[in-house]
C-alpha atoms as a PDB file:
ATOM      1  CA  MET A   1       0.147   0.248  -0.076  1.00  0.00           C
ATOM      2  CA  VAL A   2       2.853   2.307   0.701  1.00  0.00           C
ATOM      3  CA  GLU A   3       4.523   1.827  -2.512  1.00  0.00           C
ATOM      4  CA  HIS A   4       0.928   2.595  -4.189  1.00  0.00           C
ATOM      5  CA  TYR A   5       0.833   5.964  -2.722  1.00  0.00           C
ATOM      6  CA  ASN A   6       4.784   6.339  -3.113  1.00  0.00           C
ATOM      7  CA  LYS A   7       4.218   6.184  -6.552  1.00  0.00           C
ATOM      8  CA  GLY A   8       1.139   8.288  -6.684  1.00  0.00           C
ATOM      9  CA  GLY A   9      -1.815   5.853  -6.841  1.00  0.00           C
ATOM     10  CA  VAL A  10      -3.418   5.081 -10.235  1.00  0.00           C
ATOM     11  CA  THR A  11      -3.853   7.452 -12.755  1.00  0.00           C
ATOM     12  CA  LYS A  12      -7.739   8.089 -13.469  1.00  0.00           C
ATOM     13  CA  THR A  13      -9.979  11.410 -14.468  1.00  0.00           C
ATOM     14  CA  ASP A  14     -11.373  11.761 -11.361  1.00  0.00           C
ATOM     15  CA  LEU A  15      -8.404  11.509  -9.164  1.00  0.00           C
ATOM     16  CA  SER A  16      -7.508  14.874  -7.414  1.00  0.00           C
ATOM     17  CA  THR A  17      -4.966  17.068  -8.380  1.00  0.00           C
ATOM     18  CA  ASN A  18      -3.585  17.185  -4.686  1.00  0.00           C
ATOM     19  CA  ILE A  19      -2.447  13.777  -5.183  1.00  0.00           C
ATOM     20  CA  LYS A  20       1.248  13.524  -6.079  1.00  0.00           C
ATOM     21  CA  PRO A  21       3.491  10.883  -6.039  1.00  0.00           C
ATOM     22  CA  LEU A  22       5.770  10.451  -2.423  1.00  0.00           C
ATOM     23  CA  ASN A  23       8.874   9.605  -4.087  1.00  0.00           C
ATOM     24  CA  LEU A  24      10.146   8.273  -0.979  1.00  0.00           C
ATOM     25  CA  SER A  25      13.340   6.596  -1.077  1.00  0.00           C
ATOM     26  CA  ALA A  26      13.574   2.667   0.002  1.00  0.00           C
ATOM     27  CA  ASP A  27      14.730   3.393   3.524  1.00  0.00           C
ATOM     28  CA  GLU A  28      11.824   5.784   4.068  1.00  0.00           C
ATOM     29  CA  VAL A  29       9.263   3.347   2.724  1.00  0.00           C
ATOM     30  CA  LYS A  30      10.961   1.173   5.054  1.00  0.00           C
ATOM     31  CA  ASP A  31      11.011   3.103   8.060  1.00  0.00           C
ATOM     32  CA  LEU A  32       7.100   4.167   6.993  1.00  0.00           C
ATOM     33  CA  VAL A  33       6.123   0.707   7.022  1.00  0.00           C
ATOM     34  CA  LEU A  34       7.850  -0.007  10.755  1.00  0.00           C
ATOM     35  CA  PHE A  35       6.509   3.248  12.152  1.00  0.00           C
ATOM     36  CA  LEU A  36       2.709   2.018  10.902  1.00  0.00           C
ATOM     37  CA  HIS A  37       3.548  -1.400  12.305  1.00  0.00           C
ATOM     38  CA  ALA A  38       4.576   0.372  15.497  1.00  0.00           C
ATOM     39  CA  LEU A  39       1.166   2.042  15.741  1.00  0.00           C
ATOM     40  CA  THR A  40      -0.979  -1.202  15.140  1.00  0.00           C
ATOM     41  CA  THR A  41      -2.182  -3.472  17.797  1.00  0.00           C
ATOM     42  CA  PRO A  42      -3.262  -7.220  17.884  1.00  0.00           C
ATOM     43  CA  PRO A  43      -6.960  -7.597  17.594  1.00  0.00           C
ATOM     44  CA  LYS A  44      -8.651  -8.297  20.979  1.00  0.00           C
ATOM     45  CA  THR A  45     -10.979 -11.162  21.652  1.00  0.00           C
ATOM     46  CA  VAL A  46     -14.574 -10.036  22.435  1.00  0.00           C
ATOM     47  CA  THR A  47     -16.918 -12.254  24.315  1.00  0.00           C
ATOM     48  CA  LEU A  48     -20.553 -11.637  23.051  1.00  0.00           C
ATOM     49  CA  PRO A  49     -22.664 -11.422  26.315  1.00  0.00           C
ATOM     50  CA  GLN A  50     -25.621 -14.034  25.895  1.00  0.00           C
ATOM     51  CA  LEU A  51     -29.102 -12.222  25.740  1.00  0.00           C
ATOM     52  CA  PRO A  52     -32.002 -13.803  27.784  1.00  0.00           C
ATOM     53  CA  PRO A  53     -34.780 -15.879  25.422  1.00  0.00           C
ATOM     54  CA  ASN A  54     -37.620 -13.567  24.631  1.00  0.00           C
END
């Protein structure tokens, strides 16, 4: 996904003119991916309560 945005996305007629390639170096892409992984936490297991019968 980072590479997609680094290249500026896909050329489309309805793409905003504000979308520009990021032109990140390979090291910058690697650092960005590591940063994004640091923001990610494992999913929490949620046990749904049992509802009483109607």
